[in-house]
Structures are given as C-alpha cells and as structure tokens.
C-alpha cells in the first residue's frame, strides 16, 4: 500500500442491485457484499465500495468527479447506455482529450475520457 496516496473511494447508493449490475455489465467490476448496507468493488483500477444512502454525488454540486479511461470512447458510451446508465453530458472535447459524463442507476455522476 502506498503511503499518502488515494487508496479507496466510497459512493452512496440507493439501489445496490441496479448499481452493481450496471458496473459489472458496463465495466466488468466485481463485488463483495458486506451485509445489507455495504458492498465493496474491485477490478476497477481503484478499490472502493457503495454504502446504502439516498444521497448521491453530482459534479455540478461540487462533488469530486471520478473519471475512468477508455481507448474506445464511443464504444464505452454505448456500453454505459446499454447497461442502464444515463448520459448527462455527451462526448465533448477538452484540452488533452474527449470525455462524456453519465449517471449510474443510483444517480452518482462519473465520467469517461479518452485521448484525442
């Protein structure tokens, strides 16, 4: 474990089943249940978990934005949509690349980026 590095991230989730199904289908994440109110995920590049709550993380409200990387941005956007994600900002360019934002079934906003 690296000292003083980001090690883990936690998200609120109101719908554990839909959230787990979404990330497993769209990105291949795996899950471990720790009772009714918590599950952890792995195979995501950074370990983390979801805790049961009606709260959610939105970029426009000042929440940190978790950004995933994809070599094939359009294909990833299609996978997100097919898995039940809602695109909240379609693919757009920014200095250094392109990205899109989406909300997963519990409403948390994340993004995916790719080089130009």
Protein backbone atom coordinates (compact mmCIF):
# COMPACT_ATOMS: atom_id res chain seq x y z
CA UNK A 1 0.00 0.00 0.00
CA UNK A 2 1.33 3.44 -0.92
CA UNK A 3 1.58 5.88 1.97
CA UNK A 4 -0.32 9.17 1.46
CA UNK A 5 -1.94 8.03 -1.82
CA UNK A 6 -5.63 7.69 -2.59
CA UNK A 7 -6.41 4.14 -1.58
CA UNK A 8 -10.19 3.69 -1.61
CA UNK A 9 -13.32 5.52 -2.71
CA UNK A 10 -16.87 5.16 -1.40
CA UNK A 11 -20.16 6.10 -3.06
CA UNK A 12 -23.68 6.37 -1.72
CA UNK A 13 -26.12 4.01 -3.42
CA UNK A 14 -29.88 3.86 -3.03
CA UNK A 15 -30.24 0.80 -5.27
CA UNK A 16 -27.44 -1.70 -4.60
CA UNK A 17 -28.64 -4.34 -7.07
CA UNK A 18 -29.06 -1.96 -10.01
CA UNK A 19 -25.76 -0.22 -9.24
CA UNK A 20 -23.84 -3.50 -9.00
CA UNK A 21 -25.46 -4.87 -12.14
CA UNK A 22 -24.65 -1.66 -14.03
CA UNK A 23 -20.93 -1.53 -13.15
CA UNK A 24 -20.49 -5.28 -13.70
CA UNK A 25 -22.10 -5.10 -17.14
CA UNK A 26 -20.62 -1.78 -18.32
CA UNK A 27 -17.09 -2.05 -16.89
CA UNK A 28 -16.53 -5.59 -15.57
CA UNK A 29 -16.28 -4.59 -11.90
CA UNK A 30 -16.69 -7.35 -9.31
CA UNK A 31 -18.48 -7.03 -5.97
CA UNK A 32 -18.37 -8.41 -2.44
CA UNK A 33 -21.38 -7.97 -0.16
CA UNK A 34 -20.76 -6.95 3.44
CA UNK A 35 -24.34 -7.14 4.68
CA UNK A 36 -27.41 -5.26 3.52
CA UNK A 37 -25.89 -1.78 3.71
CA UNK A 38 -22.42 -2.10 2.16
CA UNK A 39 -20.67 -3.75 -0.76
CA UNK A 40 -17.12 -3.33 -1.98
CA UNK A 41 -15.93 -3.38 -5.58
CA UNK A 42 -12.70 -4.40 -7.26
CA UNK A 43 -11.33 -4.73 -10.78
CA UNK A 44 -11.95 -1.01 -11.25
CA UNK A 45 -8.41 0.42 -11.07
CA UNK A 46 -9.08 1.68 -7.54
CA UNK A 47 -10.78 -0.31 -4.81
CA UNK A 48 -13.94 1.07 -3.27
CA UNK A 49 -17.43 0.47 -2.09
CA UNK A 50 -21.06 1.52 -2.01
CA UNK A 51 -22.94 2.28 1.20
CA UNK A 52 -26.74 2.44 1.39
CA UNK A 53 -27.97 6.04 1.28
CA UNK A 54 -30.37 8.23 -0.66
CA UNK A 55 -27.55 10.79 -1.10
CA UNK A 56 -25.66 10.98 -4.39
CA UNK A 57 -22.59 12.59 -5.93
CA UNK A 58 -23.15 15.23 -8.63
CA UNK A 59 -20.35 17.19 -10.32
CA UNK A 60 -22.49 20.33 -10.67
CA UNK A 61 -22.97 20.34 -6.88
CA UNK A 62 -19.23 20.37 -6.26
CA UNK A 63 -18.70 16.66 -5.69
CA UNK A 64 -15.43 15.10 -6.84
CA UNK A 65 -15.70 13.62 -10.31
CA UNK A 66 -14.41 10.08 -10.71
CA UNK A 67 -13.08 9.76 -14.27
CA UNK A 68 -12.48 6.40 -15.95
CA UNK A 69 -10.28 5.94 -19.03
CA UNK A 70 -11.26 4.27 -22.30
CA UNK A 71 -9.33 3.69 -25.50
CA UNK A 72 -12.65 3.48 -27.42
CA UNK A 73 -14.84 6.28 -26.07
CA UNK A 74 -17.83 5.80 -28.38
CA UNK A 75 -17.98 2.07 -27.65
CA UNK A 76 -17.77 2.74 -23.93
CA UNK A 77 -20.58 5.29 -24.12
CA UNK A 78 -22.74 2.68 -25.88
CA UNK A 79 -21.91 0.11 -23.17
CA UNK A 80 -22.86 2.61 -20.46
CA UNK A 81 -26.20 3.27 -22.16
CA UNK A 82 -26.88 -0.44 -22.78
CA UNK A 83 -26.14 -1.22 -19.12
CA UNK A 84 -28.71 1.36 -17.97
CA UNK A 85 -26.56 4.44 -17.41
CA UNK A 86 -27.91 7.88 -18.27
CA UNK A 87 -25.66 10.15 -20.35
CA UNK A 88 -25.73 13.62 -18.77
CA UNK A 89 -23.02 15.18 -20.99
CA UNK A 90 -22.46 13.55 -24.41
CA UNK A 91 -18.92 13.24 -25.76
CA UNK A 92 -17.19 16.61 -25.88
CA UNK A 93 -13.61 17.81 -26.42
CA UNK A 94 -11.43 19.38 -23.77
CA UNK A 95 -7.71 20.24 -23.79
CA UNK A 96 -5.95 16.88 -23.96
CA UNK A 97 -8.83 14.66 -25.00
CA UNK A 98 -12.54 13.94 -25.11
CA UNK A 99 -14.99 12.71 -22.48
CA UNK A 100 -18.60 12.14 -21.53
CA UNK A 101 -20.42 12.17 -18.19
CA UNK A 102 -23.02 9.66 -17.04
CA UNK A 103 -25.13 8.80 -14.00
CA UNK A 104 -25.32 5.23 -12.80
CA UNK A 105 -28.63 3.78 -11.52
CA UNK A 106 -28.26 5.25 -8.00
CA UNK A 107 -27.67 8.71 -9.53
CA UNK A 108 -23.93 9.19 -8.96
CA UNK A 109 -22.19 11.08 -11.76
CA UNK A 110 -18.93 9.77 -13.24
CA UNK A 111 -17.08 10.45 -16.48
CA UNK A 112 -15.07 8.54 -19.07
CA UNK A 113 -12.26 10.14 -21.05
CA UNK A 114 -10.02 9.26 -23.95
CA UNK A 115 -7.14 10.90 -25.72
CA UNK A 116 -7.99 12.77 -28.92
